Amino acid sequence: MAEGDLQRAVGRNLRAYREERGLSQEKFADVLGVHRTYMGGLERGERNLTLRSVERIAERLHLEPLALMR
């Protein structure tokens, strides 16, 4: 696994989750309680998330944290 692969995987998984539910990036950011530009950075794999951030996001989506990292 190369550096940044996990960040990109989380971003891809978040985008897939959002698109499956037909949500705009802005609406999805509201669901997660984050700013829309931060959401964009997450989806592009540009944000270096802490494990606590992954836990919080997963909690709001009613998912296990590991589901976001697969």
PDB file of N, CA and C in Angstrom:
ATOM      1  N   MET A   1       0.853  -1.177   0.000  1.00  0.00           N
ATOM      2  CA  MET A   1       0.000   0.000   0.000  1.00  0.00           C
ATOM      3  C   MET A   1       0.900   1.242   0.000  1.00  0.00           C
ATOM      4  N   ALA A   2       0.641   2.151  -0.898  1.00  0.00           N
ATOM      5  CA  ALA A   2       1.428   3.375  -1.018  1.00  0.00           C
ATOM      6  C   ALA A   2       0.886   4.453  -0.083  1.00  0.00           C
ATOM      7  N   GLU A   3       1.742   5.418   0.180  1.00  0.00           N
ATOM      8  CA  GLU A   3       1.342   6.533   1.038  1.00  0.00           C
ATOM      9  C   GLU A   3       0.130   7.245   0.446  1.00  0.00           C
ATOM     10  N   GLY A   4      -0.868   7.487   1.279  1.00  0.00           N
ATOM     11  CA  GLY A   4      -2.067   8.189   0.846  1.00  0.00           C
ATOM     12  C   GLY A   4      -3.168   7.275   0.316  1.00  0.00           C
ATOM     13  N   ASP A   5      -2.858   5.997   0.126  1.00  0.00           N
ATOM     14  CA  ASP A   5      -3.874   5.075  -0.402  1.00  0.00           C
ATOM     15  C   ASP A   5      -5.084   4.979   0.518  1.00  0.00           C
ATOM     16  N   LEU A   6      -4.852   4.966   1.809  1.00  0.00           N
ATOM     17  CA  LEU A   6      -5.960   4.850   2.760  1.00  0.00           C
ATOM     18  C   LEU A   6      -6.844   6.098   2.721  1.00  0.00           C
ATOM     19  N   GLN A   7      -6.225   7.273   2.629  1.00  0.00           N
ATOM     20  CA  GLN A   7      -6.997   8.520   2.512  1.00  0.00           C
ATOM     21  C   GLN A   7      -7.874   8.487   1.271  1.00  0.00           C
ATOM     22  N   ARG A   8      -7.297   8.052   0.158  1.00  0.00           N
ATOM     23  CA  ARG A   8      -8.062   7.991  -1.095  1.00  0.00           C
ATOM     24  C   ARG A   8      -9.175   6.954  -1.005  1.00  0.00           C
ATOM     25  N   ALA A   9      -8.920   5.828  -0.334  1.00  0.00           N
ATOM     26  CA  ALA A   9      -9.953   4.793  -0.173  1.00  0.00           C
ATOM     27  C   ALA A   9     -11.127   5.340   0.638  1.00  0.00           C
ATOM     28  N   VAL A  10     -10.836   6.050   1.723  1.00  0.00           N
ATOM     29  CA  VAL A  10     -11.903   6.649   2.534  1.00  0.00           C
ATOM     30  C   VAL A  10     -12.699   7.641   1.683  1.00  0.00           C
ATOM     31  N   GLY A  11     -11.996   8.456   0.915  1.00  0.00           N
ATOM     32  CA  GLY A  11     -12.663   9.422   0.044  1.00  0.00           C
ATOM     33  C   GLY A  11     -13.569   8.755  -0.979  1.00  0.00           C
ATOM     34  N   ARG A  12     -13.058   7.702  -1.630  1.00  0.00           N
ATOM     35  CA  ARG A  12     -13.877   6.969  -2.613  1.00  0.00           C
ATOM     36  C   ARG A  12     -15.106   6.368  -1.950  1.00  0.00           C
ATOM     37  N   ASN A  13     -14.927   5.808  -0.755  1.00  0.00           N
ATOM     38  CA  ASN A  13     -16.048   5.189  -0.046  1.00  0.00           C
ATOM     39  C   ASN A  13     -17.083   6.222   0.372  1.00  0.00           C
ATOM     40  N   LEU A  14     -16.629   7.377   0.811  1.00  0.00           N
ATOM     41  CA  LEU A  14     -17.570   8.441   1.176  1.00  0.00           C
ATOM     42  C   LEU A  14     -18.352   8.917  -0.045  1.00  0.00           C
ATOM     43  N   ARG A  15     -17.648   9.108  -1.155  1.00  0.00           N
ATOM     44  CA  ARG A  15     -18.317   9.550  -2.381  1.00  0.00           C
ATOM     45  C   ARG A  15     -19.344   8.506  -2.832  1.00  0.00           C
ATOM     46  N   ALA A  16     -18.974   7.237  -2.805  1.00  0.00           N
ATOM     47  CA  ALA A  16     -19.900   6.172  -3.211  1.00  0.00           C
ATOM     48  C   ALA A  16     -21.121   6.158  -2.297  1.00  0.00           C
ATOM     49  N   TYR A  17     -20.902   6.288  -0.990  1.00  0.00           N
ATOM     50  CA  TYR A  17     -22.003   6.311  -0.026  1.00  0.00           C
ATOM     51  C   TYR A  17     -22.943   7.473  -0.349  1.00  0.00           C
ATOM     52  N   ARG A  18     -22.368   8.655  -0.584  1.00  0.00           N
ATOM     53  CA  ARG A  18     -23.156   9.855  -0.880  1.00  0.00           C
ATOM     54  C   ARG A  18     -23.950   9.691  -2.175  1.00  0.00           C
ATOM     55  N   GLU A  19     -23.280   9.202  -3.222  1.00  0.00           N
ATOM     56  CA  GLU A  19     -23.936   9.061  -4.516  1.00  0.00           C
ATOM     57  C   GLU A  19     -25.044   8.008  -4.479  1.00  0.00           C
ATOM     58  N   GLU A  20     -24.827   6.923  -3.730  1.00  0.00           N
ATOM     59  CA  GLU A  20     -25.864   5.894  -3.600  1.00  0.00           C
ATOM     60  C   GLU A  20     -27.140   6.456  -2.990  1.00  0.00           C
ATOM     61  N   ARG A  21     -27.003   7.489  -2.191  1.00  0.00           N
ATOM     62  CA  ARG A  21     -28.149   8.101  -1.526  1.00  0.00           C
ATOM     63  C   ARG A  21     -28.667   9.330  -2.253  1.00  0.00           C
ATOM     64  N   GLY A  22     -28.053   9.662  -3.369  1.00  0.00           N
ATOM     65  CA  GLY A  22     -28.514  10.781  -4.183  1.00  0.00           C
ATOM     66  C   GLY A  22     -28.329  12.131  -3.528  1.00  0.00           C
ATOM     67  N   LEU A  23     -27.309  12.261  -2.686  1.00  0.00           N
ATOM     68  CA  LEU A  23     -27.064  13.519  -1.983  1.00  0.00           C
ATOM     69  C   LEU A  23     -26.015  14.355  -2.701  1.00  0.00           C
ATOM     70  N   SER A  24     -26.219  15.659  -2.700  1.00  0.00           N
ATOM     71  CA  SER A  24     -25.186  16.560  -3.198  1.00  0.00           C
ATOM     72  C   SER A  24     -24.061  16.583  -2.172  1.00  0.00           C
ATOM     73  N   GLN A  25     -22.914  17.049  -2.606  1.00  0.00           N
ATOM     74  CA  GLN A  25     -21.791  17.167  -1.671  1.00  0.00           C
ATOM     75  C   GLN A  25     -22.142  18.106  -0.519  1.00  0.00           C
ATOM     76  N   GLU A  26     -22.865  19.166  -0.840  1.00  0.00           N
ATOM     77  CA  GLU A  26     -23.253  20.135   0.191  1.00  0.00           C
ATOM     78  C   GLU A  26     -24.209  19.515   1.214  1.00  0.00           C
ATOM     79  N   LYS A  27     -25.212  18.773   0.738  1.00  0.00           N
ATOM     80  CA  LYS A  27     -26.158  18.116   1.661  1.00  0.00           C
ATOM     81  C   LYS A  27     -25.443  17.068   2.511  1.00  0.00           C
ATOM     82  N   PHE A  28     -24.536  16.333   1.878  1.00  0.00           N
ATOM     83  CA  PHE A  28     -23.787  15.304   2.599  1.00  0.00           C
ATOM     84  C   PHE A  28     -22.907  15.947   3.673  1.00  0.00           C
ATOM     85  N   ALA A  29     -22.310  17.081   3.352  1.00  0.00           N
ATOM     86  CA  ALA A  29     -21.506  17.804   4.335  1.00  0.00           C
ATOM     87  C   ALA A  29     -22.371  18.201   5.529  1.00  0.00           C
ATOM     88  N   ASP A  30     -23.603  18.610   5.265  1.00  0.00           N
ATOM     89  CA  ASP A  30     -24.531  18.954   6.348  1.00  0.00           C
ATOM     90  C   ASP A  30     -24.810  17.742   7.233  1.00  0.00           C
ATOM     91  N   VAL A  31     -25.018  16.581   6.610  1.00  0.00           N
ATOM     92  CA  VAL A  31     -25.266  15.349   7.363  1.00  0.00           C
ATOM     93  C   VAL A  31     -24.084  15.050   8.299  1.00  0.00           C
ATOM     94  N   LEU A  32     -22.875  15.257   7.777  1.00  0.00           N
ATOM     95  CA  LEU A  32     -21.677  14.961   8.570  1.00  0.00           C
ATOM     96  C   LEU A  32     -21.295  16.080   9.528  1.00  0.00           C
ATOM     97  N   GLY A  33     -21.898  17.252   9.341  1.00  0.00           N
ATOM     98  CA  GLY A  33     -21.574  18.381  10.200  1.00  0.00           C
ATOM     99  C   GLY A  33     -20.232  19.011   9.878  1.00  0.00           C
ATOM    100  N   VAL A  34     -19.887  19.003   8.570  1.00  0.00           N
ATOM    101  CA  VAL A  34     -18.623  19.604   8.128  1.00  0.00           C
ATOM    102  C   VAL A  34     -18.917  20.608   7.015  1.00  0.00           C
ATOM    103  N   HIS A  35     -17.933  21.438   6.703  1.00  0.00           N
ATOM    104  CA  HIS A  35     -18.076  22.421   5.628  1.00  0.00           C
ATOM    105  C   HIS A  35     -17.984  21.712   4.283  1.00  0.00           C
ATOM    106  N   ARG A  36     -18.662  22.237   3.280  1.00  0.00           N
ATOM    107  CA  ARG A  36     -18.691  21.585   1.970  1.00  0.00           C
ATOM    108  C   ARG A  36     -17.308  21.506   1.325  1.00  0.00           C
ATOM    109  N   THR A  37     -16.452  22.498   1.549  1.00  0.00           N
ATOM    110  CA  THR A  37     -15.108  22.430   0.968  1.00  0.00           C
ATOM    111  C   THR A  37     -14.273  21.351   1.653  1.00  0.00           C
ATOM    112  N   TYR A  38     -14.496  21.150   2.947  1.00  0.00           N
ATOM    113  CA  TYR A  38     -13.821  20.072   3.667  1.00  0.00           C
ATOM    114  C   TYR A  38     -14.291  18.727   3.107  1.00  0.00           C
ATOM    115  N   MET A  39     -15.586  18.619   2.828  1.00  0.00           N
ATOM    116  CA  MET A  39     -16.150  17.394   2.268  1.00  0.00           C
ATOM    117  C   MET A  39     -15.498  17.078   0.931  1.00  0.00           C
ATOM    118  N   GLY A  40     -15.321  18.084   0.108  1.00  0.00           N
ATOM    119  CA  GLY A  40     -14.660  17.890  -1.187  1.00  0.00           C
ATOM    120  C   GLY A  40     -13.246  17.362  -1.013  1.00  0.00           C
ATOM    121  N   GLY A  41     -12.524  17.923  -0.056  1.00  0.00           N
ATOM    122  CA  GLY A  41     -11.163  17.461   0.236  1.00  0.00           C
ATOM    123  C   GLY A  41     -11.143  16.022   0.713  1.00  0.00           C
ATOM    124  N   LEU A  42     -12.136  15.652   1.517  1.00  0.00           N
ATOM    125  CA  LEU A  42     -12.240  14.262   1.974  1.00  0.00           C
ATOM    126  C   LEU A  42     -12.438  13.329   0.792  1.00  0.00           C
ATOM    127  N   GLU A  43     -13.386  13.673  -0.064  1.00  0.00           N
ATOM    128  CA  GLU A  43     -13.692  12.809  -1.201  1.00  0.00           C
ATOM    129  C   GLU A  43     -12.528  12.686  -2.170  1.00  0.00           C
ATOM    130  N   ARG A  44     -11.720  13.718  -2.286  1.00  0.00           N
ATOM    131  CA  ARG A  44     -10.557  13.663  -3.179  1.00  0.00           C
ATOM    132  C   ARG A  44      -9.350  13.010  -2.516  1.00  0.00           C
ATOM    133  N   GLY A  45      -9.482  12.648  -1.251  1.00  0.00           N
ATOM    134  CA  GLY A  45      -8.370  12.024  -0.541  1.00  0.00           C
ATOM    135  C   GLY A  45      -7.274  12.993  -0.173  1.00  0.00           C
ATOM    136  N   GLU A  46      -7.618  14.271  -0.073  1.00  0.00           N
ATOM    137  CA  GLU A  46      -6.631  15.315   0.241  1.00  0.00           C
ATOM    138  C   GLU A  46      -6.520  15.588   1.737  1.00  0.00           C
ATOM    139  N   ARG A  47      -7.470  15.131   2.507  1.00  0.00           N
ATOM    140  CA  ARG A  47      -7.488  15.405   3.947  1.00  0.00           C
ATOM    141  C   ARG A  47      -6.891  14.238   4.712  1.00  0.00           C
ATOM    142  N   ASN A  48      -5.981  14.550   5.598  1.00  0.00           N
ATOM    143  CA  ASN A  48      -5.351  13.545   6.435  1.00  0.00           C
ATOM    144  C   ASN A  48      -6.195  13.401   7.699  1.00  0.00           C
ATOM    145  N   LEU A  49      -7.102  12.444   7.690  1.00  0.00           N
ATOM    146  CA  LEU A  49      -8.030  12.258   8.800  1.00  0.00           C
ATOM    147  C   LEU A  49      -7.372  11.577   9.991  1.00  0.00           C
ATOM    148  N   THR A  50      -7.768  12.006  11.165  1.00  0.00           N
ATOM    149  CA  THR A  50      -7.367  11.275  12.361  1.00  0.00           C
ATOM    150  C   THR A  50      -8.296  10.076  12.505  1.00  0.00           C
ATOM    151  N   LEU A  51      -7.886   9.111  13.291  1.00  0.00           N
ATOM    152  CA  LEU A  51      -8.760   7.963  13.537  1.00  0.00           C
ATOM    153  C   LEU A  51     -10.049   8.416  14.209  1.00  0.00           C
ATOM    154  N   ARG A  52      -9.962   9.403  15.066  1.00  0.00           N
ATOM    155  CA  ARG A  52     -11.160   9.921  15.732  1.00  0.00           C
ATOM    156  C   ARG A  52     -12.121  10.525  14.713  1.00  0.00           C
ATOM    157  N   SER A  53     -11.590  11.217  13.714  1.00  0.00           N
ATOM    158  CA  SER A  53     -12.451  11.775  12.660  1.00  0.00           C
ATOM    159  C   SER A  53     -13.149  10.667  11.889  1.00  0.00           C
ATOM    160  N   VAL A  54     -12.437   9.606  11.577  1.00  0.00           N
ATOM    161  CA  VAL A  54     -13.040   8.466  10.878  1.00  0.00           C
ATOM    162  C   VAL A  54     -14.149   7.874  11.745  1.00  0.00           C
ATOM    163  N   GLU A  55     -13.894   7.748  13.036  1.00  0.00           N
ATOM    164  CA  GLU A  55     -14.914   7.231  13.960  1.00  0.00           C
ATOM    165  C   GLU A  55     -16.154   8.114  13.970  1.00  0.00           C
ATOM    166  N   ARG A  56     -15.959   9.426  14.036  1.00  0.00           N
ATOM    167  CA  ARG A  56     -17.088  10.364  14.071  1.00  0.00           C
ATOM    168  C   ARG A  56     -17.918  10.288  12.796  1.00  0.00           C
ATOM    169  N   ILE A  57     -17.236  10.262  11.661  1.00  0.00           N
ATOM    170  CA  ILE A  57     -17.936  10.191  10.378  1.00  0.00           C
ATOM    171  C   ILE A  57     -18.726   8.887  10.298  1.00  0.00           C
ATOM    172  N   ALA A  58     -18.084   7.785  10.636  1.00  0.00           N
ATOM    173  CA  ALA A  58     -18.758   6.477  10.591  1.00  0.00           C
ATOM    174  C   ALA A  58     -19.966   6.456  11.522  1.00  0.00           C
ATOM    175  N   GLU A  59     -19.813   7.050  12.696  1.00  0.00           N
ATOM    176  CA  GLU A  59     -20.913   7.093  13.664  1.00  0.00           C
ATOM    177  C   GLU A  59     -22.120   7.833  13.079  1.00  0.00           C
ATOM    178  N   ARG A  60     -21.866   8.949  12.435  1.00  0.00           N
ATOM    179  CA  ARG A  60     -22.970   9.735  11.854  1.00  0.00           C
ATOM    180  C   ARG A  60     -23.645   9.015  10.699  1.00  0.00           C
ATOM    181  N   LEU A  61     -22.883   8.113  10.042  1.00  0.00           N
ATOM    182  CA  LEU A  61     -23.426   7.363   8.914  1.00  0.00           C
ATOM    183  C   LEU A  61     -23.949   5.995   9.346  1.00  0.00           C
ATOM    184  N   HIS A  62     -23.837   5.709  10.638  1.00  0.00           N
ATOM    185  CA  HIS A  62     -24.268   4.421  11.194  1.00  0.00           C
ATOM    186  C   HIS A  62     -23.519   3.264  10.539  1.00  0.00           C
ATOM    187  N   LEU A  63     -22.205   3.452  10.393  1.00  0.00           N
ATOM    188  CA  LEU A  63     -21.326   2.446   9.818  1.00  0.00           C
ATOM    189  C   LEU A  63     -20.215   2.109  10.805  1.00  0.00           C
ATOM    190  N   GLU A  64     -19.591   0.967  10.583  1.00  0.00           N
ATOM    191  CA  GLU A  64     -18.374   0.642  11.321  1.00  0.00           C
ATOM    192  C   GLU A  64     -17.227   1.428  10.680  1.00  0.00           C
ATOM    193  N   PRO A  65     -16.313   1.976  11.475  1.00  0.00           N
ATOM    194  CA  PRO A  65     -15.201   2.741  10.902  1.00  0.00           C
ATOM    195  C   PRO A  65     -14.418   1.978   9.828  1.00  0.00           C
ATOM    196  N   LEU A  66     -14.228   0.696  10.026  1.00  0.00           N
ATOM    197  CA  LEU A  66     -13.476  -0.079   9.041  1.00  0.00           C
ATOM    198  C   LEU A  66     -14.157  -0.120   7.669  1.00  0.00           C
ATOM    199  N   ALA A  67     -15.475   0.031   7.640  1.00  0.00           N
ATOM    200  CA  ALA A  67     -16.203   0.036   6.372  1.00  0.00           C
ATOM    201  C   ALA A  67     -15.774   1.215   5.507  1.00  0.00           C
ATOM    202  N   LEU A  68     -15.349   2.303   6.120  1.00  0.00           N
ATOM    203  CA  LEU A  68     -14.900   3.471   5.361  1.00  0.00           C
ATOM    204  C   LEU A  68     -13.483   3.295   4.796  1.00  0.00           C
ATOM    205  N   MET A  69     -12.745   2.359   5.388  1.00  0.00           N
ATOM    206  CA  MET A  69     -11.338   2.219   4.997  1.00  0.00           C
ATOM    207  C   MET A  69     -11.079   1.038   4.063  1.00  0.00           C
ATOM    208  N   ARG A  70     -12.100   0.287   3.730  1.00  0.00           N
ATOM    209  CA  ARG A  70     -11.903  -0.878   2.843  1.00  0.00           C
ATOM    210  C   ARG A  70     -11.873  -0.454   1.398  1.00  0.00           C
TER     211      ARG A  70
END
